[in-house]
């Protein structure tokens, strides 16, 4: 189910990037993941950690900086990418 993957990714982000500020329970899957508007407060260094964590957990590569910028726009874009690239 779609919400399961988004919930899983939310938990992975909080753990991987050591998010200490409480994240809203009613988090929009379309909220920005990285940058000043991110509910997670993630920056470009966190983005690298997310890419590595996705590769480890889901065995999905996010190739270059340009595609990672697209993929990491929101939880929804990340979940869609993982779904479409899983073996």
Protein backbone atom coordinates (compact mmCIF):
# COMPACT_ATOMS: atom_id res chain seq x y z
CA UNK A 1 0.00 0.00 0.00
CA UNK A 2 1.25 3.49 -0.86
CA UNK A 3 0.99 4.89 2.66
CA UNK A 4 3.08 2.04 4.07
CA UNK A 5 6.11 2.97 1.98
CA UNK A 6 5.72 6.66 2.77
CA UNK A 7 5.46 5.87 6.50
CA UNK A 8 8.51 3.60 6.24
CA UNK A 9 10.46 6.35 4.46
CA UNK A 10 9.42 8.91 7.08
CA UNK A 11 10.77 6.67 9.85
CA UNK A 12 13.95 5.98 7.88
CA UNK A 13 14.54 9.72 7.35
CA UNK A 14 14.03 10.53 11.03
CA UNK A 15 16.46 7.78 12.04
CA UNK A 16 19.06 8.27 9.29
CA UNK A 17 19.25 12.05 9.59
CA UNK A 18 18.77 12.10 13.37
CA UNK A 19 15.79 14.45 13.20
CA UNK A 20 15.24 15.73 16.74
CA UNK A 21 12.43 18.22 16.16
CA UNK A 22 9.02 16.59 16.31
CA UNK A 23 7.68 15.92 12.84
CA UNK A 24 3.99 16.52 12.27
CA UNK A 25 1.91 13.36 12.33
CA UNK A 26 -0.21 14.81 9.53
CA UNK A 27 2.82 15.20 7.30
CA UNK A 28 2.03 15.87 3.65
CA UNK A 29 3.74 13.38 1.32
CA UNK A 30 4.23 16.34 -1.03
CA UNK A 31 6.07 18.56 1.47
CA UNK A 32 9.67 19.36 0.42
CA UNK A 33 12.21 16.88 1.80
CA UNK A 34 15.30 19.08 1.59
CA UNK A 35 15.75 22.79 2.25
CA UNK A 36 14.33 25.52 4.44
CA UNK A 37 10.70 24.44 3.88
CA UNK A 38 11.36 20.81 4.82
CA UNK A 39 9.34 19.64 7.85
CA UNK A 40 12.37 17.42 8.60
CA UNK A 41 14.83 20.34 8.48
CA UNK A 42 17.09 18.43 6.08
CA UNK A 43 19.96 19.99 4.12
CA UNK A 44 22.18 18.84 1.25
CA UNK A 45 24.39 16.74 3.54
CA UNK A 46 21.30 14.92 4.79
CA UNK A 47 20.33 14.32 1.15
CA UNK A 48 23.53 12.32 0.65
CA UNK A 49 22.70 10.21 3.72
CA UNK A 50 19.18 9.62 2.40
CA UNK A 51 20.53 8.46 -0.98
CA UNK A 52 22.88 6.00 0.77
CA UNK A 53 20.13 4.76 3.10
CA UNK A 54 17.72 4.19 0.18
CA UNK A 55 20.41 2.26 -1.66
CA UNK A 56 21.08 0.05 1.38
CA UNK A 57 17.49 -0.54 2.42
CA UNK A 58 15.75 -0.83 -0.95
CA UNK A 59 18.68 -1.74 -3.21
CA UNK A 60 17.75 1.21 -5.45
CA UNK A 61 20.42 3.53 -6.85
CA UNK A 62 19.80 7.25 -7.25
CA UNK A 63 22.44 7.97 -9.85
CA UNK A 64 23.51 11.58 -10.22
CA UNK A 65 22.95 14.93 -8.58
CA UNK A 66 20.34 16.03 -11.12
CA UNK A 67 18.18 12.93 -10.70
CA UNK A 68 18.61 12.99 -6.93
CA UNK A 69 17.27 16.55 -6.87
CA UNK A 70 14.14 15.33 -8.69
CA UNK A 71 13.77 12.15 -6.63
CA UNK A 72 14.24 13.92 -3.28
CA UNK A 73 11.63 16.62 -3.91
CA UNK A 74 9.15 15.00 -1.50
CA UNK A 75 8.28 11.74 0.22
CA UNK A 76 5.90 11.00 -2.66
CA UNK A 77 8.55 11.47 -5.39
CA UNK A 78 11.00 9.33 -3.41
CA UNK A 79 8.40 6.58 -2.86
CA UNK A 80 7.41 6.64 -6.54
CA UNK A 81 11.06 6.36 -7.58
CA UNK A 82 11.67 3.41 -5.26
CA UNK A 83 8.53 1.65 -6.53
CA UNK A 84 9.49 2.11 -10.18
CA UNK A 85 13.12 0.98 -9.69
CA UNK A 86 12.76 -1.99 -7.34
CA UNK A 87 13.60 -5.35 -8.86
